[in-house]
Protein backbone atom coordinates (compact mmCIF):
# COMPACT_ATOMS: atom_id res chain seq x y z
CA UNK A 1 182.71 26.96 93.13
CA UNK A 2 185.92 25.47 94.58
CA UNK A 3 186.33 25.96 98.33
CA UNK A 4 189.37 23.81 99.14
CA UNK A 5 191.77 21.44 97.44
CA UNK A 6 193.04 18.78 99.84
CA UNK A 7 196.04 17.18 98.16
CA UNK A 8 197.49 13.80 99.09
CA UNK A 9 199.90 13.91 96.16
CA UNK A 10 199.79 15.41 92.72
CA UNK A 11 203.20 15.93 91.15
CA UNK A 12 205.24 17.94 93.71
CA UNK A 13 202.12 18.94 95.67
CA UNK A 14 202.02 16.68 98.73
CA UNK A 15 199.94 16.73 101.94
CA UNK A 16 198.68 20.21 101.24
CA UNK A 17 195.37 22.02 101.75
CA UNK A 18 194.71 25.16 99.70
CA UNK A 19 191.74 27.43 100.37
CA UNK A 20 189.93 29.57 97.80
CA UNK A 21 187.53 32.45 98.32
CA UNK A 22 184.38 32.96 96.29
CA UNK A 23 185.76 36.07 94.60
CA UNK A 24 189.42 36.78 93.66
CA UNK A 25 192.28 34.32 94.17
CA UNK A 26 195.92 34.50 93.09
CA UNK A 27 198.43 31.64 93.09
CA UNK A 28 202.07 32.69 93.08
CA UNK A 29 205.48 31.15 93.58
CA UNK A 30 208.72 30.54 91.74
CA UNK A 31 208.87 28.35 88.65
CA UNK A 32 208.31 24.68 89.36
CA UNK A 33 205.78 25.09 92.18
CA UNK A 34 202.89 23.53 90.21
CA UNK A 35 200.83 26.71 89.87
CA UNK A 36 199.51 25.77 86.43
CA UNK A 37 198.82 22.22 87.65
CA UNK A 38 196.48 23.70 90.25
CA UNK A 39 194.53 25.51 87.54
CA UNK A 40 194.27 22.19 85.70
CA UNK A 41 192.91 20.55 88.86
CA UNK A 42 190.35 23.34 89.28
CA UNK A 43 189.18 23.14 85.68
CA UNK A 44 188.98 19.34 85.89
CA UNK A 45 186.78 19.50 89.01
CA UNK A 46 183.67 20.96 87.39
CA UNK A 47 181.54 19.82 84.47
CA UNK A 48 180.07 22.05 81.81
CA UNK A 49 176.36 22.78 82.18
CA UNK A 50 174.09 21.84 79.27
CA UNK A 51 170.76 23.13 78.08
CA UNK A 52 169.18 20.30 80.06
CA UNK A 53 170.06 22.17 83.27
CA UNK A 54 166.82 23.67 84.57
CA UNK A 55 168.41 27.02 85.45
CA UNK A 56 169.35 27.85 81.85
CA UNK A 57 166.93 30.40 80.40
CA UNK A 58 168.69 31.17 77.10
CA UNK A 59 169.58 28.01 75.15
CA UNK A 60 171.83 30.02 72.78
CA UNK A 61 174.16 31.07 75.59
CA UNK A 62 176.26 27.93 76.18
CA UNK A 63 177.18 27.19 72.53
CA UNK A 64 178.20 30.84 72.03
CA UNK A 65 180.38 30.95 75.14
CA UNK A 66 182.09 27.72 74.10
CA UNK A 67 182.66 29.03 70.58
CA UNK A 68 184.18 32.42 71.46
CA UNK A 69 186.48 31.09 74.18
CA UNK A 70 189.21 28.63 73.28
CA UNK A 71 189.02 26.31 76.34
CA UNK A 72 185.95 25.73 78.49
CA UNK A 73 185.59 23.19 81.28
CA UNK A 74 188.90 21.48 80.44
CA UNK A 75 189.82 17.99 81.63
CA UNK A 76 193.31 17.20 82.86
CA UNK A 77 194.01 14.84 79.96
CA UNK A 78 193.33 17.64 77.46
CA UNK A 79 195.85 19.91 79.16
CA UNK A 80 198.52 17.80 80.82
CA UNK A 81 201.06 15.29 79.61
CA UNK A 82 202.43 12.69 82.00
CA UNK A 83 206.14 12.35 82.77
CA UNK A 84 208.29 10.46 80.27
CA UNK A 85 208.83 7.45 82.54
CA UNK A 86 205.56 6.72 84.30
CA UNK A 87 202.86 8.92 82.73
CA UNK A 88 201.67 9.28 86.31
CA UNK A 89 201.19 12.39 88.54
CA UNK A 90 201.80 10.42 91.76
CA UNK A 91 203.93 7.38 91.10
CA UNK A 92 203.54 4.79 93.83
CA UNK A 93 200.52 6.42 95.47
CA UNK A 94 197.42 4.23 95.61
CA UNK A 95 193.86 5.50 95.69
CA UNK A 96 192.75 9.14 95.80
CA UNK A 97 195.24 11.84 94.82
CA UNK A 98 193.23 14.74 96.17
CA UNK A 99 189.75 15.80 97.24
CA UNK A 100 187.77 18.92 96.42
CA UNK A 101 185.48 20.77 98.82
CA UNK A 102 182.88 22.80 96.94
CA UNK A 103 180.76 25.78 97.86
CA UNK A 104 177.21 24.45 97.88
CA UNK A 105 178.00 20.84 96.87
CA UNK A 106 179.33 17.62 98.39
CA UNK A 107 183.08 16.98 98.54
CA UNK A 108 184.58 14.58 96.00
CA UNK A 109 187.80 12.55 95.90
CA UNK A 110 189.74 12.19 92.64
CA UNK A 111 192.04 9.40 91.48
CA UNK A 112 194.06 8.67 88.35
CA UNK A 113 192.70 6.74 85.38
CA UNK A 114 194.28 5.68 82.15
CA UNK A 115 193.61 8.08 79.32
CA UNK A 116 192.70 7.10 75.78
CA UNK A 117 195.66 9.31 74.84
CA UNK A 118 198.80 7.23 75.39
CA UNK A 119 200.94 10.12 76.59
CA UNK A 120 198.36 11.45 79.02
CA UNK A 121 196.47 10.43 82.14
CA UNK A 122 192.97 11.24 83.37
CA UNK A 123 191.91 12.26 86.86
CA UNK A 124 188.32 11.43 87.74
CA UNK A 125 186.09 11.45 90.83
CA UNK A 126 185.64 8.35 92.92
CA UNK A 127 181.89 8.26 93.44
CA UNK A 128 180.47 6.52 96.49
CA UNK A 129 178.46 3.36 95.64
CA UNK A 130 174.71 3.80 95.81
CA UNK A 131 174.84 7.59 95.54
CA UNK A 132 174.00 10.01 92.75
CA UNK A 133 177.27 11.92 93.13
CA UNK A 134 178.46 13.81 90.09
CA UNK A 135 180.72 16.70 89.26
CA UNK A 136 179.01 20.01 90.05
CA UNK A 137 177.85 21.84 86.92
CA UNK A 138 179.53 25.20 86.48
CA UNK A 139 180.96 26.87 83.37
CA UNK A 140 184.74 27.29 83.47
CA UNK A 141 186.74 29.41 81.05
CA UNK A 142 190.43 28.52 81.07
CA UNK A 143 192.90 30.99 79.56
CA UNK A 144 196.21 29.20 79.14
CA UNK A 145 199.51 30.56 77.88
CA UNK A 146 198.59 29.77 74.27
CA UNK A 147 196.53 32.97 74.32
CA UNK A 148 199.84 34.89 74.27
CA UNK A 149 200.95 33.60 70.85
CA UNK A 150 201.20 36.70 68.62
CA UNK A 151 198.87 36.66 65.63
CA UNK A 152 201.63 38.04 63.42
CA UNK A 153 203.81 35.00 64.14
CA UNK A 154 201.10 32.49 63.27
CA UNK A 155 202.25 31.07 59.93
CA UNK A 156 199.54 28.54 59.11
CA UNK A 157 196.92 30.63 57.28
CA UNK A 158 195.04 27.49 56.33
CA UNK A 159 194.31 26.84 60.00
CA UNK A 160 192.62 30.23 60.40
CA UNK A 161 188.85 30.00 60.40
CA UNK A 162 185.90 32.24 61.13
CA UNK A 163 183.59 31.37 64.01
CA UNK A 164 179.99 31.92 63.07
CA UNK A 165 178.62 32.11 66.60
CA UNK A 166 178.99 35.51 68.24
CA UNK A 167 178.14 37.13 71.52
CA UNK A 168 174.95 39.19 71.27
CA UNK A 169 175.53 42.75 70.06
CA UNK A 170 175.08 44.32 73.50
CA UNK A 171 177.89 42.17 74.93
CA UNK A 172 180.18 42.94 72.00
CA UNK A 173 179.55 46.60 72.75
CA UNK A 174 180.36 45.91 76.41
CA UNK A 175 183.75 44.44 75.40
CA UNK A 176 184.44 47.45 73.16
CA UNK A 177 183.52 49.84 75.97
CA UNK A 178 185.83 48.07 78.44
CA UNK A 179 188.63 47.88 75.87
CA UNK A 180 188.44 51.63 75.32
CA UNK A 181 188.80 52.25 79.07
CA UNK A 182 192.13 50.44 78.96
CA UNK A 183 193.53 51.48 75.56
CA UNK A 184 191.55 54.57 74.49
CA UNK A 185 190.79 52.80 71.17
CA UNK A 186 187.28 52.81 69.76
CA UNK A 187 186.94 49.36 68.20
CA UNK A 188 184.40 47.72 65.92
CA UNK A 189 184.20 43.95 65.75
CA UNK A 190 184.45 42.27 62.35
CA UNK A 191 184.60 38.57 63.20
CA UNK A 192 185.83 36.01 65.69
CA UNK A 193 188.70 33.87 64.45
CA UNK A 194 190.04 30.47 65.47
CA UNK A 195 193.85 30.20 65.21
CA UNK A 196 194.09 26.44 64.73
CA UNK A 197 193.95 24.82 68.16
CA UNK A 198 195.98 27.65 69.70
CA UNK A 199 193.46 30.33 70.57
CA UNK A 200 190.30 32.20 69.69
CA UNK A 201 190.49 35.96 69.22
CA UNK A 202 188.30 38.83 68.06
CA UNK A 203 189.02 40.57 64.79
CA UNK A 204 188.35 44.31 64.92
CA UNK A 205 189.18 47.67 63.43
CA UNK A 206 189.70 50.88 65.39
CA UNK A 207 189.36 54.65 65.09
CA UNK A 208 193.17 55.01 64.89
CA UNK A 209 194.77 54.53 61.48
CA UNK A 210 197.03 51.48 61.41
CA UNK A 211 195.63 50.07 64.64
CA UNK A 212 193.53 46.91 64.43
CA UNK A 213 193.47 43.36 65.77
CA UNK A 214 196.37 42.39 63.48
CA UNK A 215 198.70 45.19 64.58
CA UNK A 216 198.02 45.56 68.29
CA UNK A 217 200.64 44.43 70.81
CA UNK A 218 200.62 41.04 72.47
CA UNK A 219 199.44 42.73 75.69
CA UNK A 220 196.52 44.42 73.94
CA UNK A 221 195.56 41.12 72.29
CA UNK A 222 195.78 39.34 75.64
CA UNK A 223 193.61 42.03 77.19
CA UNK A 224 190.97 41.54 74.48
CA UNK A 225 190.86 37.79 75.17
CA UNK A 226 190.52 38.29 78.95
CA UNK A 227 187.76 40.88 78.50
CA UNK A 228 185.92 38.53 76.14
CA UNK A 229 186.04 35.78 78.76
CA UNK A 230 184.73 38.09 81.48
CA UNK A 231 181.86 39.39 79.35
CA UNK A 232 181.05 35.82 78.25
CA UNK A 233 180.51 34.93 81.91
CA UNK A 234 178.41 38.07 82.32
CA UNK A 235 176.30 36.78 79.40
CA UNK A 236 175.98 33.41 81.12
CA UNK A 237 174.83 35.06 84.36
CA UNK A 238 172.18 37.03 82.47
CA UNK A 239 171.02 33.80 80.80
CA UNK A 240 170.26 31.80 83.95
CA UNK A 241 168.10 31.75 87.06
CA UNK A 242 170.83 32.48 89.57
CA UNK A 243 170.60 30.56 92.86
CA UNK A 244 174.24 29.85 93.79
CA UNK A 245 176.92 31.91 95.49
CA UNK A 246 179.24 31.17 92.56
CA UNK A 247 177.79 30.80 89.06
CA UNK A 248 180.96 30.56 86.95
CA UNK A 249 184.75 30.24 87.18
CA UNK A 250 187.49 32.07 85.28
CA UNK A 251 190.99 30.53 85.34
CA UNK A 252 193.94 32.50 83.93
CA UNK A 253 197.52 31.25 83.72
CA UNK A 254 200.06 34.08 84.16
CA UNK A 255 197.43 36.80 84.25
CA UNK A 256 200.06 39.56 84.24
CA UNK A 257 201.95 38.24 81.17
CA UNK A 258 202.45 40.97 78.52
CA UNK A 259 200.40 43.45 80.56
CA UNK A 260 201.76 46.76 81.86
CA UNK A 261 201.45 47.07 85.68
CA UNK A 262 198.82 49.80 85.25
CA UNK A 263 196.73 47.40 83.12
CA UNK A 264 197.23 44.66 85.71
CA UNK A 265 195.80 46.76 88.55
CA UNK A 266 192.98 48.09 86.38
CA UNK A 267 192.11 44.54 85.35
CA UNK A 268 192.19 43.39 88.97
CA UNK A 269 189.70 46.10 89.88
CA UNK A 270 187.48 44.98 86.99
CA UNK A 271 187.68 41.39 88.30
CA UNK A 272 186.49 42.58 91.70
CA UNK A 273 183.58 44.47 90.17
CA UNK A 274 182.42 41.71 87.82
CA UNK A 275 183.07 38.92 90.31
CA UNK A 276 180.75 40.61 92.77
CA UNK A 277 178.09 41.52 90.22
CA UNK A 278 178.01 38.29 88.19
CA UNK A 279 179.15 35.74 90.84
CA UNK A 280 182.37 34.81 89.04
CA UNK A 281 185.10 33.01 91.00
CA UNK A 282 188.42 34.19 89.55
CA UNK A 283 191.65 32.24 90.03
CA UNK A 284 194.88 33.21 88.31
CA UNK A 285 198.60 32.58 88.60
CA UNK A 286 201.04 35.49 88.67
CA UNK A 287 204.59 36.61 89.39
CA UNK A 288 203.66 40.29 89.42
CA UNK A 289 204.76 42.12 92.57
CA UNK A 290 202.41 44.99 91.67
CA UNK A 291 199.41 42.66 91.55
CA UNK A 292 200.36 40.76 94.70
CA UNK A 293 200.94 43.93 96.71
CA UNK A 294 197.60 45.38 95.59
CA UNK A 295 195.79 42.14 96.42
CA UNK A 296 197.35 41.83 99.87
CA UNK A 297 196.51 45.46 100.59
CA UNK A 298 192.86 44.80 99.66
CA UNK A 299 192.76 41.43 101.52
CA UNK A 300 192.21 39.35 98.39
CA UNK A 301 193.18 35.70 98.68
CA UNK A 302 196.85 35.11 97.82
CA UNK A 303 198.32 31.59 97.85
CA UNK A 304 202.11 31.63 97.73
CA UNK A 305 203.86 28.31 97.06
CA UNK A 306 207.43 27.57 98.16
CA UNK A 307 209.70 25.27 96.16
CA UNK A 308 211.15 22.61 98.45
CA UNK A 309 212.83 20.83 95.47
CA UNK A 310 211.05 17.47 95.91
CA UNK A 311 207.83 19.01 97.19
CA UNK A 312 205.92 22.28 97.45
CA UNK A 313 204.99 24.07 100.68
CA UNK A 314 202.45 26.82 101.31
CA UNK A 315 203.63 30.10 102.78
CA UNK A 316 201.68 30.82 105.95
CA UNK A 317 200.26 34.33 106.25
CA UNK A 318 201.91 35.66 103.08
CA UNK A 319 202.83 39.33 102.93
CA UNK A 320 204.55 41.34 100.22
CA UNK A 321 207.87 41.39 102.06
CA UNK A 322 208.12 37.63 102.50
CA UNK A 323 206.94 37.10 98.93
CA UNK A 324 209.51 39.55 97.60
CA UNK A 325 212.28 37.64 99.37
CA UNK A 326 211.25 34.35 97.80
CA UNK A 327 210.42 35.63 94.32
CA UNK A 328 213.76 37.44 94.19
CA UNK A 329 215.66 34.69 96.07
CA UNK A 330 217.03 37.04 98.70
CA UNK A 331 217.26 36.71 102.47
CA UNK A 332 215.56 38.66 105.23
CA UNK A 333 218.84 40.51 105.85
CA UNK A 334 219.29 41.36 102.17
CA UNK A 335 215.79 42.71 101.71
CA UNK A 336 216.29 45.28 104.48
CA UNK A 337 219.85 46.22 103.62
CA UNK A 338 220.17 50.02 103.85
CA UNK A 339 216.45 50.42 104.61
CA UNK A 340 215.99 52.76 107.57
CA UNK A 341 213.46 55.21 108.95
CA UNK A 342 215.03 58.65 109.56
CA UNK A 343 214.31 59.98 113.07
CA UNK A 344 214.85 63.68 113.70
CA UNK A 345 215.47 64.94 117.25
CA UNK A 346 216.35 68.33 118.70
CA UNK A 347 219.86 67.53 119.93
CA UNK A 348 222.34 64.99 121.26
CA UNK A 349 220.68 64.96 124.68
CA UNK A 350 217.41 63.77 123.13
CA UNK A 351 219.26 61.03 121.22
CA UNK A 352 220.96 60.08 124.48
CA UNK A 353 217.57 59.54 126.18
CA UNK A 354 216.20 57.72 123.13
CA UNK A 355 219.07 55.24 123.21
CA UNK A 356 218.25 54.37 126.82
CA UNK A 357 214.54 54.15 126.06
CA UNK A 358 215.15 51.82 123.12
CA UNK A 359 217.26 49.53 125.32
CA UNK A 360 214.44 49.46 127.88
CA UNK A 361 211.80 48.66 125.24
CA UNK A 362 214.02 45.92 123.81
CA UNK A 363 214.11 44.26 127.24
CA UNK A 364 210.39 44.69 127.90
CA UNK A 365 208.88 44.08 124.46
CA UNK A 366 210.07 41.24 122.23
CA UNK A 367 208.12 42.71 119.33
CA UNK A 368 210.21 45.90 119.51
CA UNK A 369 213.51 44.11 118.92
CA UNK A 370 212.96 43.69 115.17
CA UNK A 371 211.71 47.23 114.73
CA UNK A 372 214.39 49.10 116.67
CA UNK A 373 217.10 48.34 114.11
CA UNK A 374 215.24 50.35 111.48
CA UNK A 375 215.36 53.64 113.38
CA UNK A 376 218.16 55.89 112.16
CA UNK A 377 218.77 58.79 114.53
CA UNK A 378 219.81 61.66 112.29
CA UNK A 379 222.83 63.44 113.77
CA UNK A 380 221.59 66.99 113.57
CA UNK A 381 220.68 69.75 116.02
CA UNK A 382 217.47 71.55 115.06
CA UNK A 383 215.32 73.56 117.44
CA UNK A 384 211.79 72.42 118.25
CA UNK A 385 210.13 75.29 116.40
CA UNK A 386 212.15 74.64 113.25
CA UNK A 387 211.50 70.90 113.39
CA UNK A 388 207.77 71.46 113.90
CA UNK A 389 207.74 73.88 111.00
CA UNK A 390 209.41 71.34 108.70
CA UNK A 391 207.06 68.50 109.65
CA UNK A 392 203.89 70.58 109.39
CA UNK A 393 204.80 72.28 106.09
CA UNK A 394 202.25 71.07 103.52
CA UNK A 395 204.77 71.48 100.70
CA UNK A 396 207.20 69.14 102.47
CA UNK A 397 204.51 66.61 103.41
CA UNK A 398 205.72 63.90 101.01
CA UNK A 399 209.20 64.10 102.52
CA UNK A 400 208.24 64.37 106.17
CA UNK A 401 205.70 61.55 105.91
CA UNK A 402 208.71 59.28 105.37
CA UNK A 403 210.39 60.36 108.62
CA UNK A 404 209.64 60.59 112.34
CA UNK A 405 210.09 63.73 114.41
CA UNK A 406 210.71 63.32 118.16
CA UNK A 407 210.58 66.58 120.09
CA UNK A 408 211.62 67.10 123.69
CA UNK A 409 209.04 66.30 126.34
CA UNK A 410 208.09 69.95 126.88
CA UNK A 411 206.30 69.91 123.49
CA UNK A 412 203.13 68.16 122.36
CA UNK A 413 202.68 65.29 119.92
CA UNK A 414 201.11 65.67 116.47
CA UNK A 415 200.72 62.14 115.13
CA UNK A 416 199.04 63.28 111.90
CA UNK A 417 202.29 65.07 111.02
CA UNK A 418 204.54 62.26 112.29
CA UNK A 419 205.53 64.15 115.44
CA UNK A 420 205.76 62.66 118.92
CA UNK A 421 207.36 63.95 122.13
CA UNK A 422 209.74 62.27 124.55
CA UNK A 423 208.19 61.06 127.80
CA UNK A 424 208.35 63.27 130.86
CA UNK A 425 206.66 66.48 129.68
CA UNK A 426 209.93 68.39 130.20
CA UNK A 427 213.14 69.03 128.30
CA UNK A 428 215.78 66.31 128.92
CA UNK A 429 217.94 68.49 131.15
CA UNK A 430 214.97 69.82 133.15
CA UNK A 431 213.52 66.32 133.53
CA UNK A 432 216.74 64.79 134.89
CA UNK A 433 217.82 67.65 137.10
CA UNK A 434 214.34 67.92 138.64
CA UNK A 435 214.27 64.15 139.14
CA UNK A 436 217.69 64.16 140.83
CA UNK A 437 216.46 66.90 143.16
CA UNK A 438 213.31 64.90 143.94
CA UNK A 439 215.38 61.81 144.81
CA UNK A 440 217.67 63.99 146.94
CA UNK A 441 214.81 65.54 148.91
CA UNK A 442 213.01 62.19 149.33
CA UNK A 443 216.23 60.55 150.57
CA UNK A 444 215.49 57.87 147.96
CA UNK A 445 217.29 54.51 148.07
CA UNK A 446 218.69 55.43 144.66
CA UNK A 447 221.68 56.96 146.42
CA UNK A 448 222.67 53.74 148.16
CA UNK A 449 222.00 51.29 145.31
CA UNK A 450 225.07 49.22 144.57
CA UNK A 451 225.46 50.40 140.97
CA UNK A 452 225.38 54.04 142.08
CA UNK A 453 227.81 53.51 144.96
CA UNK A 454 230.21 51.39 142.87
CA UNK A 455 230.38 54.16 140.26
CA UNK A 456 231.35 56.65 142.98
CA UNK A 457 228.13 58.63 142.90
CA UNK A 458 226.51 59.97 146.03
CA UNK A 459 224.45 62.86 147.35
CA UNK A 460 227.68 64.75 147.88
CA UNK A 461 228.63 64.19 144.24
CA UNK A 462 225.25 65.43 143.15
CA UNK A 463 225.51 68.59 145.27
CA UNK A 464 229.05 69.46 144.15
CA UNK A 465 228.96 68.46 140.47
CA UNK A 466 225.40 69.25 139.50
CA UNK A 467 223.17 71.01 142.02
CA UNK A 468 225.61 73.79 142.96
CA UNK A 469 226.71 74.29 139.35
CA UNK A 470 223.10 74.65 138.21
CA UNK A 471 222.43 77.12 141.03
CA UNK A 472 225.55 79.14 140.16
CA UNK A 473 224.64 79.19 136.47
CA UNK A 474 221.10 80.35 137.14
CA UNK A 475 222.44 83.19 139.33
CA UNK A 476 224.91 84.14 136.61
CA UNK A 477 222.09 84.16 134.07
CA UNK A 478 219.99 86.46 136.24
CA UNK A 479 222.93 88.84 136.64
CA UNK A 480 223.37 89.00 132.86
CA UNK A 481 219.71 89.77 132.40
CA UNK A 482 219.81 92.53 135.00
CA UNK A 483 222.82 94.05 133.28
CA UNK A 484 221.12 93.65 129.88
CA UNK A 485 223.90 91.42 128.68
CA UNK A 486 223.19 88.82 126.02
CA UNK A 487 222.36 85.31 127.27
CA UNK A 488 221.95 83.83 123.80
CA UNK A 489 223.25 80.26 123.62
CA UNK A 490 224.50 80.27 127.19
CA UNK A 491 221.82 77.89 128.52
CA UNK A 492 222.38 75.36 125.77
CA UNK A 493 226.14 75.57 126.15
CA UNK A 494 225.96 75.10 129.93
CA UNK A 495 223.66 72.07 129.89
CA UNK A 496 225.55 70.47 127.00
CA UNK A 497 228.77 70.67 129.02
CA UNK A 498 226.97 69.45 132.17
CA UNK A 499 225.61 66.40 130.29
CA UNK A 500 229.00 65.63 128.73
CA UNK A 501 230.83 65.79 132.07
CA UNK A 502 228.22 63.69 133.91
CA UNK A 503 226.96 61.42 131.16
CA UNK A 504 227.13 58.17 133.13
CA UNK A 505 225.35 59.67 136.14
CA UNK A 506 222.52 60.99 133.95
CA UNK A 507 222.26 57.61 132.24
CA UNK A 508 221.79 55.85 135.61
CA UNK A 509 219.37 58.56 136.70
CA UNK A 510 217.20 58.23 133.57
CA UNK A 511 217.15 54.43 133.87
CA UNK A 512 215.85 54.86 137.41
CA UNK A 513 213.23 57.33 136.14
CA UNK A 514 212.11 54.84 133.47
CA UNK A 515 211.68 52.03 136.02
CA UNK A 516 209.78 54.23 138.45
CA UNK A 517 206.11 53.06 138.38
CA UNK A 518 204.99 56.69 138.73
CA UNK A 519 206.26 57.31 135.18
CA UNK A 520 204.80 54.22 133.52
CA UNK A 521 201.94 56.04 131.81
CA UNK A 522 204.37 58.37 130.05
CA UNK A 523 206.66 55.49 129.07
CA UNK A 524 203.69 53.58 127.61
CA UNK A 525 202.32 56.67 125.88
CA UNK A 526 205.56 57.25 124.02
CA UNK A 527 205.86 53.56 123.08
CA UNK A 528 202.37 53.49 121.59
CA UNK A 529 202.88 56.72 119.65
CA UNK A 530 206.23 55.50 118.31
CA UNK A 531 204.54 52.27 117.21
CA UNK A 532 201.81 54.23 115.43
CA UNK A 533 204.40 56.30 113.58
CA UNK A 534 206.39 53.19 112.63
CA UNK A 535 203.27 51.71 111.03
CA UNK A 536 202.62 55.01 109.30
CA UNK A 537 206.01 55.44 107.63
CA UNK A 538 207.50 51.94 107.33
CA UNK A 539 205.92 51.09 103.96
CA UNK A 540 207.52 54.19 102.42
CA UNK A 541 210.86 52.49 103.04
CA UNK A 542 209.65 49.02 101.95
CA UNK A 543 209.80 47.80 105.54
CA UNK A 544 207.14 45.33 106.57
CA UNK A 545 204.92 46.92 109.27
CA UNK A 546 204.69 43.44 110.81
CA UNK A 547 208.35 43.78 111.81
CA UNK A 548 206.84 45.58 114.80
CA UNK A 549 203.82 43.45 115.54
CA UNK A 550 201.37 44.77 118.11
């Protein structure tokens, strides 16, 4: 029912607009960021429907829902104490404290009022004169932290009382069915009990000896209370003529408290299902990284609040990596300490070309600068066939999906198996030697560029130190073949020595190749494929894919 809260000031919340979706919403942040206060504001912003509402078909529904849930449609004064000095949520602020935009209803502004309770304050709408404004009617179930009080630690037996009103049998069976999906217990309800003014809980027995509502864990008790609230709102939906996008609201403080991460995710999925089916707007607070990551992955609404000591700020475009930094009070540098993506290449020559390419991409693409630091070039020499075999082996898939394989340009890419190929469609040595020959034959200006000349390179240098040596080696190789002598390893050994002795020349040559417009398609192809692979493997290393934004 709540679309936006536009806050002028309420406690540490100042000049802030928070948006809520019609389905699932989480509010997170460190302690002291007024998360619970926001739930109080939400609960205070709607009034409980009565049997006078013309959409109510079953007059028994509302009394039952109120009876089996501890807090429904709470007002701020019933939940919140004022500060010890002023009993005021916005000392010194005159007029409205905040306004609420509703789905399907007019916006309302709220201001403070004195409460009949001396230690508390009230927050009520400021209705426009001459209008029939009123709080929208919508049932709200609020599950505060009191629901977590263990039954076994409740000492006041005199305050225990049975609640006569019960959910209809079919809905009790629905709760039992859901509870079994989580716990594997078959339960049978005995009664609903009121624990003083602390909480309402179901009493039940189970099919497992020694397991009942008195002996279950705090998490299992909490789960029972949450499921009861959900099914109560299902009962409400079945008892009305539905005409609104949102028919009820469920508010839960610290939804993840006492619940195992597996229960948290399972419960979140149940929220999605029931929210959609029964038009329930769900809003909860949480510190659970498991929940937040799941919600962000599924594009649920996550509001993350930042503690600015005297005020609270909203994190723009929250993601799990930024949230993790703030929840764990670590910096951007700390969060990525020792986090790298292994990159496998065939040999040192390939890593040599990659280093130059990365420098080029850093100059051309600002978005690449953050990402490039995560690539760890593994210092190993593995042939293309062996590398391909490793990365396409189904038994090694879990391992290889965490790494990137970059083959020489004379091989093809296989993105599904995290394999790409260097630009140029040739091996590094073939690419550079052929390119030098092309520049030589074309009498390219490369040979008279200042950098080349200042380094002492020339056509003569190329002929003596590279061209003639390659020609001599190829002739020697042919002679060996004719004489049936082994040539194993000779080619690799020759080109490795050639690269080592002329490393600076090849570096300048490759930089020229990269900047040649004729090669732009290949340069762009490799960049795009590398980006795709970064997005594919980064999350395995807890690296935010947005570090390389497209």
